[in-house]
């Protein structure tokens, strides 16, 4: 039986939810953007009216205002976005248990086995579209096809509030004329490289020699060729499926540039509290630490190291990150953003090979202290207990929600 895959995309998700919650915004050019004061002033989402004016996701607020002076900028309300994303997913569950989220606002659905109950792919997509609209006052665009790649392309073809069917018989006519950058897996850098080869459209990519494109782009070239030709066979994962955690990190753009090592240390120490919490929740510890540093000129550097003793301790992770920073970062410019990431994760109780020079007893004492601090923070709130040095101004922007981990790649 031919597979029937849907890709459902909530139209202008953040902006649509803001307009639904505040009817006074309806019909006006609206953009959801981070705080300019805390240096997160970029467009996260825009309404259809703002899009018509040329406003683009990812550009600075001041740039968007030049295109659309009447644009209304509202701050993000992530709790509401997560809530309505969950409600939309509840509607999907009425039709199938094969649901693969792709961020908050998108999801693939495999409805192959649901057709006897709910009709063909187009009928199911129409039913979902109408239900979301009537029950939640939001709109979705849905692509219907025989694989995930073409279903996603279909949901992009007609917006907003539409259903597009891509069949095995007409995909070349409908999709091959599109720019290659429209296809999942082709970013700006890859698209520029393809253009240098004279490959501009999805059809150009599909018709090039497979061995040649593999030689040019490696494994990614093979995958893109398969996608363009409609040979994608990747599955839609079951609802609730969780991929194995490979790393856990937390990063922030600071409210002001960090001008010395002391300020960097306080940010690492603050961020590592969240990393420890999530490591503990997943029953994992880290065999390595990775840091990413963005300077005031937006140049990114990334460094990593192995740990002598695997740990989930916030203070140990912060200390190792700081040692790595001092050793590897050349302080030519002040620091704008910092990320700390626990890598090479293993189970908490997994055995680990130690060396003769590690002070295991000291490590165990630090771990017990940090576990106790974590338990107190969990019981009485994150500000119930903290390091004394964090009483100083750490240049951490406030008012940000707990970090949410969202699926952002295709399940293979």
Protein backbone atom coordinates (compact mmCIF):
# COMPACT_ATOMS: atom_id res chain seq x y z
CA UNK A 1 0.00 0.00 0.00
CA UNK A 2 1.25 3.48 -0.90
CA UNK A 3 2.12 5.49 2.20
CA UNK A 4 0.08 8.60 2.97
CA UNK A 5 2.07 11.21 4.87
CA UNK A 6 0.79 14.59 6.01
CA UNK A 7 2.91 17.57 7.02
CA UNK A 8 0.90 20.09 9.04
CA UNK A 9 2.26 23.58 9.64
CA UNK A 10 0.61 26.10 11.97
CA UNK A 11 0.49 29.32 9.96
CA UNK A 12 2.59 32.11 11.52
CA UNK A 13 2.34 30.18 14.76
CA UNK A 14 3.53 32.70 17.37
CA UNK A 15 1.90 35.69 15.69
CA UNK A 16 -1.37 33.82 15.08
CA UNK A 17 -1.60 32.80 18.73
CA UNK A 18 -0.94 36.39 19.83
CA UNK A 19 -3.71 37.65 17.53
CA UNK A 20 -6.08 34.94 18.74
CA UNK A 21 -5.44 35.86 22.38
CA UNK A 22 -5.73 39.59 21.66
CA UNK A 23 -8.42 40.19 18.99
CA UNK A 24 -7.40 43.87 18.74
CA UNK A 25 -4.29 42.71 16.85
CA UNK A 26 -6.25 40.91 14.12
CA UNK A 27 -5.84 42.30 10.63
CA UNK A 28 -2.82 44.38 11.62
CA UNK A 29 0.88 43.90 10.85
CA UNK A 30 2.13 42.10 13.97
CA UNK A 31 5.53 40.68 14.81
CA UNK A 32 6.68 38.64 17.78
CA UNK A 33 10.20 39.65 18.77
CA UNK A 34 12.67 39.24 21.60
CA UNK A 35 13.68 42.08 23.88
CA UNK A 36 15.73 44.80 22.20
CA UNK A 37 17.01 45.90 25.61
CA UNK A 38 18.30 42.38 26.33
CA UNK A 39 19.75 42.15 22.81
CA UNK A 40 17.31 39.54 21.55
CA UNK A 41 15.66 42.05 19.21
CA UNK A 42 15.01 39.84 16.20
CA UNK A 43 11.75 38.87 14.52
CA UNK A 44 10.61 35.44 15.73
CA UNK A 45 7.32 35.40 13.79
CA UNK A 46 5.15 37.77 11.80
CA UNK A 47 1.52 37.99 10.74
CA UNK A 48 0.45 37.71 7.11
CA UNK A 49 -0.02 41.50 6.98
CA UNK A 50 3.59 42.05 8.12
CA UNK A 51 4.81 39.42 5.67
CA UNK A 52 3.18 41.30 2.79
CA UNK A 53 5.30 44.32 3.78
CA UNK A 54 8.46 42.24 3.40
CA UNK A 55 9.13 41.52 7.07
CA UNK A 56 11.22 38.37 7.45
CA UNK A 57 11.79 36.01 10.34
CA UNK A 58 15.28 36.39 11.78
CA UNK A 59 15.89 40.02 10.85
CA UNK A 60 16.41 42.78 13.40
CA UNK A 61 13.38 44.70 14.65
CA UNK A 62 14.79 48.01 13.41
CA UNK A 63 15.19 46.55 9.90
CA UNK A 64 11.60 45.28 9.95
CA UNK A 65 10.35 48.69 11.11
CA UNK A 66 11.94 50.32 8.06
CA UNK A 67 9.81 48.08 5.84
CA UNK A 68 6.68 48.28 7.96
CA UNK A 69 6.58 51.41 10.17
CA UNK A 70 3.10 50.55 11.52
CA UNK A 71 4.18 47.07 12.64
CA UNK A 72 3.10 46.18 16.19
CA UNK A 73 5.83 44.34 18.10
CA UNK A 74 4.79 42.05 20.96
CA UNK A 75 7.00 39.97 23.28
CA UNK A 76 6.89 36.16 23.04
CA UNK A 77 4.71 34.16 25.41
CA UNK A 78 6.23 30.70 25.17
CA UNK A 79 3.89 29.08 27.67
CA UNK A 80 0.95 29.92 25.42
CA UNK A 81 2.74 28.63 22.31
CA UNK A 82 3.53 25.33 24.02
CA UNK A 83 -0.06 25.08 25.27
CA UNK A 84 -1.63 25.56 21.83
CA UNK A 85 0.95 23.37 20.14
CA UNK A 86 -0.11 20.61 22.53
CA UNK A 87 -3.81 21.24 21.80
CA UNK A 88 -3.19 20.98 18.05
CA UNK A 89 -1.30 17.75 18.61
CA UNK A 90 -4.29 16.41 20.55
CA UNK A 91 -6.34 16.93 17.39
CA UNK A 92 -3.76 15.00 15.33
CA UNK A 93 -4.06 12.09 17.79
CA UNK A 94 -7.70 11.65 16.80
CA UNK A 95 -6.48 10.39 13.43
CA UNK A 96 -3.18 8.56 14.07
CA UNK A 97 -0.61 7.66 16.70
CA UNK A 98 2.26 8.18 14.24
CA UNK A 99 3.06 11.85 14.87
CA UNK A 100 6.53 13.35 14.53
CA UNK A 101 6.87 16.96 15.75
CA UNK A 102 9.29 19.24 13.93
CA UNK A 103 9.52 22.16 16.31
CA UNK A 104 6.48 23.69 18.02
CA UNK A 105 4.49 24.51 14.90
CA UNK A 106 5.08 21.61 12.51
CA UNK A 107 4.49 17.86 12.51
CA UNK A 108 4.42 14.88 10.18
CA UNK A 109 1.54 12.40 10.43
CA UNK A 110 1.43 8.93 8.89
CA UNK A 111 -2.25 8.28 8.16
CA UNK A 112 -1.75 5.25 5.90
CA UNK A 113 -3.60 2.98 8.31
CA UNK A 114 -6.31 5.53 9.13
CA UNK A 115 -7.93 5.77 5.71
CA UNK A 116 -10.63 3.16 6.27
CA UNK A 117 -11.87 5.17 9.24
CA UNK A 118 -11.43 8.75 8.02
CA UNK A 119 -11.13 8.71 4.22
CA UNK A 120 -8.18 9.36 1.93
CA UNK A 121 -5.24 11.64 2.68
CA UNK A 122 -6.88 14.78 1.31
CA UNK A 123 -10.06 14.13 3.30
CA UNK A 124 -8.12 13.60 6.53
CA UNK A 125 -6.08 16.75 5.92
CA UNK A 126 -9.24 18.77 5.27
CA UNK A 127 -10.84 17.42 8.43
CA UNK A 128 -7.78 18.38 10.49
CA UNK A 129 -7.63 21.84 8.92
CA UNK A 130 -11.30 22.54 9.64
CA UNK A 131 -11.10 21.14 13.19
CA UNK A 132 -8.08 23.26 14.14
CA UNK A 133 -9.82 26.32 12.73
CA UNK A 134 -13.16 25.74 14.45
CA UNK A 135 -11.85 24.58 17.84
CA UNK A 136 -8.74 26.74 18.28
CA UNK A 137 -9.27 29.68 15.89
CA UNK A 138 -5.89 28.90 14.30
CA UNK A 139 -5.09 27.84 10.76
CA UNK A 140 -2.80 25.17 9.34
CA UNK A 141 -1.41 24.43 5.92
CA UNK A 142 -1.09 20.74 5.18
CA UNK A 143 0.88 18.88 2.55
CA UNK A 144 -0.23 15.37 1.57
CA UNK A 145 2.22 13.06 -0.19
CA UNK A 146 3.83 9.64 -0.28
CA UNK A 147 6.92 10.68 1.70
CA UNK A 148 7.93 13.17 4.37
CA UNK A 149 10.07 15.43 2.18
CA UNK A 150 7.36 16.04 -0.41
CA UNK A 151 4.65 16.42 2.26
CA UNK A 152 6.67 19.24 3.81
CA UNK A 153 7.16 20.89 0.44
CA UNK A 154 3.41 20.58 -0.12
CA UNK A 155 2.55 22.41 3.10
CA UNK A 156 4.74 25.31 1.93
CA UNK A 157 3.13 25.61 -1.52
CA UNK A 158 -0.19 27.13 -0.38
CA UNK A 159 -0.48 29.34 2.68
CA UNK A 160 -2.37 30.10 4.78
CA UNK A 161 -5.19 27.68 5.56
CA UNK A 162 -4.81 25.25 2.67
CA UNK A 163 -4.26 21.61 1.71
CA UNK A 164 -1.93 20.60 -1.14
CA UNK A 165 -1.63 17.06 -2.50
CA UNK A 166 1.62 15.89 -4.13
CA UNK A 167 1.32 12.52 -5.86
CA UNK A 168 3.86 10.17 -7.39
CA UNK A 169 2.43 11.12 -10.80
CA UNK A 170 2.65 14.92 -10.49
CA UNK A 171 5.55 15.68 -8.11
CA UNK A 172 7.93 16.51 -10.96
CA UNK A 173 5.51 19.05 -12.41
CA UNK A 174 4.74 20.65 -9.03
CA UNK A 175 8.09 20.49 -7.25
CA UNK A 176 11.01 20.25 -9.65
CA UNK A 177 10.67 23.88 -10.73
CA UNK A 178 11.09 25.13 -7.14
CA UNK A 179 14.45 26.55 -5.95
CA UNK A 180 16.53 23.80 -4.32
CA UNK A 181 16.72 25.84 -1.11
CA UNK A 182 13.00 25.15 -0.56
CA UNK A 183 13.76 21.48 0.15
CA UNK A 184 14.57 20.27 3.65
CA UNK A 185 18.30 19.71 4.07
CA UNK A 186 19.35 22.55 1.75
CA UNK A 187 20.51 25.53 3.78
CA UNK A 188 21.90 28.80 2.48
CA UNK A 189 25.50 27.56 2.38
CA UNK A 190 24.56 24.34 0.54
CA UNK A 191 22.33 26.28 -1.86
CA UNK A 192 25.20 28.65 -2.68
CA UNK A 193 27.44 25.67 -3.37
CA UNK A 194 24.80 24.05 -5.57
CA UNK A 195 24.41 27.30 -7.50
CA UNK A 196 28.15 27.35 -8.15
CA UNK A 197 27.66 23.96 -9.85
CA UNK A 198 24.79 25.31 -11.95
CA UNK A 199 22.17 23.53 -9.82
CA UNK A 200 19.36 25.95 -9.03
CA UNK A 201 16.13 23.96 -8.78
CA UNK A 202 15.00 20.71 -7.18
CA UNK A 203 14.74 19.29 -10.68
CA UNK A 204 18.35 20.23 -11.42
CA UNK A 205 19.40 18.38 -8.28
CA UNK A 206 17.29 15.33 -9.14
CA UNK A 207 18.71 15.10 -12.66
CA UNK A 208 22.38 15.42 -11.77
CA UNK A 209 24.60 12.35 -11.52
CA UNK A 210 24.32 10.71 -8.10
CA UNK A 211 27.98 9.74 -7.87
CA UNK A 212 29.07 13.22 -8.89
CA UNK A 213 26.93 15.03 -6.30
CA UNK A 214 28.11 12.57 -3.65
CA UNK A 215 31.69 13.41 -4.54
CA UNK A 216 30.94 17.12 -4.24
CA UNK A 217 28.86 17.11 -1.04
CA UNK A 218 29.61 13.75 0.56
CA UNK A 219 26.85 11.81 2.31
CA UNK A 220 24.65 14.91 2.33
CA UNK A 221 24.80 15.03 -1.48
CA UNK A 222 23.49 11.46 -1.71
CA UNK A 223 20.66 12.25 0.69
CA UNK A 224 19.61 15.38 -1.18
CA UNK A 225 19.61 13.49 -4.50
CA UNK A 226 17.37 10.84 -2.92
CA UNK A 227 15.04 13.52 -1.54
CA UNK A 228 14.75 15.36 -4.86
CA UNK A 229 13.89 12.17 -6.75
CA UNK A 230 11.13 11.17 -4.33
CA UNK A 231 13.01 8.15 -2.98
CA UNK A 232 12.80 9.20 0.70
CA UNK A 233 11.59 6.28 2.85
CA UNK A 234 12.16 7.76 6.32
CA UNK A 235 9.48 6.80 8.81
CA UNK A 236 7.20 8.97 10.89
CA UNK A 237 8.06 8.17 14.48
CA UNK A 238 5.41 7.08 17.00
CA UNK A 239 3.76 9.73 19.15
CA UNK A 240 5.81 10.33 22.30
CA UNK A 241 9.00 8.82 20.91
CA UNK A 242 12.11 10.30 22.51
CA UNK A 243 15.47 10.15 20.82
CA UNK A 244 18.47 9.23 22.96
CA UNK A 245 19.96 12.32 24.56
CA UNK A 246 23.41 12.96 23.09
CA UNK A 247 24.23 16.24 24.80
CA UNK A 248 22.67 18.72 27.21
CA UNK A 249 23.52 22.39 27.13
CA UNK A 250 22.36 25.86 28.00
CA UNK A 251 23.37 29.16 26.45
CA UNK A 252 22.47 32.81 26.71
CA UNK A 253 23.04 36.12 25.00
CA UNK A 254 24.13 38.41 27.82
CA UNK A 255 22.36 41.68 28.50
CA UNK A 256 25.75 43.42 28.30
CA UNK A 257 29.14 42.34 26.97
CA UNK A 258 31.30 40.37 29.41
CA UNK A 259 34.54 42.31 29.89
CA UNK A 260 36.62 40.03 32.13
CA UNK A 261 37.11 36.41 33.18
CA UNK A 262 35.20 36.93 36.43
CA UNK A 263 32.04 37.84 34.56
CA UNK A 264 32.43 34.84 32.24
CA UNK A 265 32.86 32.56 35.28
CA UNK A 266 29.62 33.76 36.86
CA UNK A 267 27.69 33.12 33.63
CA UNK A 268 29.17 29.62 33.29
CA UNK A 269 28.28 28.88 36.92
CA UNK A 270 24.72 30.12 36.45
CA UNK A 271 24.17 28.18 33.22
CA UNK A 272 25.65 24.97 34.65
CA UNK A 273 22.90 24.85 37.30
CA UNK A 274 20.36 24.14 34.56
CA UNK A 275 22.66 21.63 32.85
CA UNK A 276 23.02 19.68 36.12
CA UNK A 277 19.25 19.72 36.66
CA UNK A 278 18.59 18.25 33.23
CA UNK A 279 21.42 15.71 33.45
CA UNK A 280 20.03 14.48 36.76
CA UNK A 281 16.51 14.33 35.34
CA UNK A 282 17.73 12.16 32.47
CA UNK A 283 19.87 9.95 34.74
CA UNK A 284 23.06 10.92 32.90
CA UNK A 285 26.54 12.29 33.54
CA UNK A 286 29.07 13.87 31.21
CA UNK A 287 32.44 12.56 30.11
CA UNK A 288 33.22 15.85 28.36
CA UNK A 289 32.35 19.53 28.28
CA UNK A 290 31.95 21.87 25.32
CA UNK A 291 31.76 25.66 25.30
CA UNK A 292 30.68 28.09 22.59
CA UNK A 293 31.71 31.72 22.82
CA UNK A 294 30.38 34.53 20.63
CA UNK A 295 32.23 37.83 20.84
CA UNK A 296 30.85 41.34 20.39
CA UNK A 297 31.62 41.14 16.66
CA UNK A 298 29.47 38.00 16.44
CA UNK A 299 32.45 35.71 15.77
CA UNK A 300 31.83 32.23 17.23
CA UNK A 301 34.44 29.93 18.76
CA UNK A 302 33.79 26.42 20.02
CA UNK A 303 36.05 24.27 22.20
CA UNK A 304 35.69 20.97 24.03
CA UNK A 305 37.63 18.65 26.34
CA UNK A 306 37.32 15.26 28.01
CA UNK A 307 36.87 15.07 31.75
CA UNK A 308 39.10 13.00 34.00
CA UNK A 309 36.06 11.93 36.03
CA UNK A 310 32.55 11.82 34.50
CA UNK A 311 30.24 14.22 36.35
CA UNK A 312 26.85 15.89 36.53
CA UNK A 313 28.02 18.44 39.10
CA UNK A 314 27.25 22.06 38.20
CA UNK A 315 30.37 23.42 39.90
CA UNK A 316 32.66 20.85 38.27
CA UNK A 317 31.19 21.47 34.82
CA UNK A 318 31.53 25.23 35.28
CA UNK A 319 35.11 24.90 36.50
CA UNK A 320 36.10 22.68 33.56
CA UNK A 321 34.39 25.09 31.16
CA UNK A 322 36.25 28.02 32.67
CA UNK A 323 39.61 26.26 32.43
CA UNK A 324 38.86 25.49 28.80
CA UNK A 325 37.88 29.12 28.19
CA UNK A 326 41.09 30.48 29.75
CA UNK A 327 43.24 28.03 27.83
CA UNK A 328 41.66 28.34 24.39
CA UNK A 329 39.87 31.68 24.04
CA UNK A 330 41.99 34.57 22.77
CA UNK A 331 40.56 37.68 24.38
CA UNK A 332 40.62 40.10 21.46
CA UNK A 333 36.99 41.21 21.84
CA UNK A 334 34.54 41.23 24.72
CA UNK A 335 32.11 38.33 25.00
CA UNK A 336 28.47 38.65 23.93
CA UNK A 337 27.06 35.11 24.28
CA UNK A 338 28.13 31.92 26.07
CA UNK A 339 26.98 28.30 25.92
CA UNK A 340 28.06 25.37 28.09
CA UNK A 341 27.25 21.83 26.97
CA UNK A 342 27.70 18.44 28.65
CA UNK A 343 28.81 15.93 25.99
CA UNK A 344 29.74 12.23 25.71
CA UNK A 345 26.93 11.31 28.06
CA UNK A 346 26.69 8.01 29.94
CA UNK A 347 24.29 6.57 32.51
CA UNK A 348 24.80 7.86 36.05
CA UNK A 349 25.72 4.38 37.34
CA UNK A 350 27.85 3.41 34.35
CA UNK A 351 31.43 2.41 35.26
CA UNK A 352 34.19 4.73 34.07
CA UNK A 353 37.94 4.31 33.71
CA UNK A 354 39.79 6.64 36.11
CA UNK A 355 43.43 7.71 36.13
CA UNK A 356 45.93 7.69 39.00
CA UNK A 357 45.92 11.48 39.38
CA UNK A 358 42.20 12.16 39.94
CA UNK A 359 40.94 12.92 43.43
CA UNK A 360 37.85 10.73 43.49
CA UNK A 361 36.96 11.49 47.11
CA UNK A 362 36.97 15.24 46.41
CA UNK A 363 34.78 14.68 43.35
CA UNK A 364 32.28 12.67 45.43
CA UNK A 365 32.09 15.40 48.10
CA UNK A 366 31.45 18.10 45.47
CA UNK A 367 28.81 15.92 43.82
CA UNK A 368 26.99 15.41 47.13
CA UNK A 369 27.00 19.15 47.83
CA UNK A 370 25.67 19.97 44.36
CA UNK A 371 23.00 17.26 44.61
CA UNK A 372 21.86 18.75 47.92
CA UNK A 373 21.74 22.25 46.40
CA UNK A 374 19.72 20.90 43.47
CA UNK A 375 17.24 19.22 45.84
CA UNK A 376 16.80 22.46 47.82
CA UNK A 377 16.26 24.50 44.67
CA UNK A 378 13.73 21.96 43.42
CA UNK A 379 11.80 22.08 46.71
CA UNK A 380 11.96 25.78 47.54
CA UNK A 381 12.62 27.48 44.18
CA UNK A 382 15.69 28.22 42.08
CA UNK A 383 16.59 31.29 44.15
CA UNK A 384 16.41 29.48 47.50
CA UNK A 385 20.15 28.81 47.47
CA UNK A 386 22.93 29.83 45.11
CA UNK A 387 26.64 30.62 44.98
CA UNK A 388 27.60 33.84 46.75
CA UNK A 389 29.39 35.17 43.67
CA UNK A 390 26.08 35.10 41.79
CA UNK A 391 24.81 37.87 44.06
CA UNK A 392 26.92 40.16 41.87
CA UNK A 393 25.53 41.42 38.56
CA UNK A 394 26.03 38.49 36.17
CA UNK A 395 24.60 40.20 33.08
CA UNK A 396 22.10 37.38 32.59
CA UNK A 397 18.85 38.59 30.99
CA UNK A 398 15.81 37.91 33.10
CA UNK A 399 12.30 36.73 32.33
CA UNK A 400 13.25 33.79 30.13
CA UNK A 401 11.33 30.52 30.41
CA UNK A 402 12.89 27.20 31.21
CA UNK A 403 14.56 25.86 28.10
CA UNK A 404 12.41 23.44 26.14
CA UNK A 405 13.93 20.62 24.13
CA UNK A 406 12.16 20.30 20.81
CA UNK A 407 12.69 17.82 17.98
CA UNK A 408 14.35 19.72 15.15
CA UNK A 409 15.44 17.05 12.70
CA UNK A 410 13.90 14.22 10.73
CA UNK A 411 13.64 10.81 12.33
CA UNK A 412 15.39 8.22 10.17
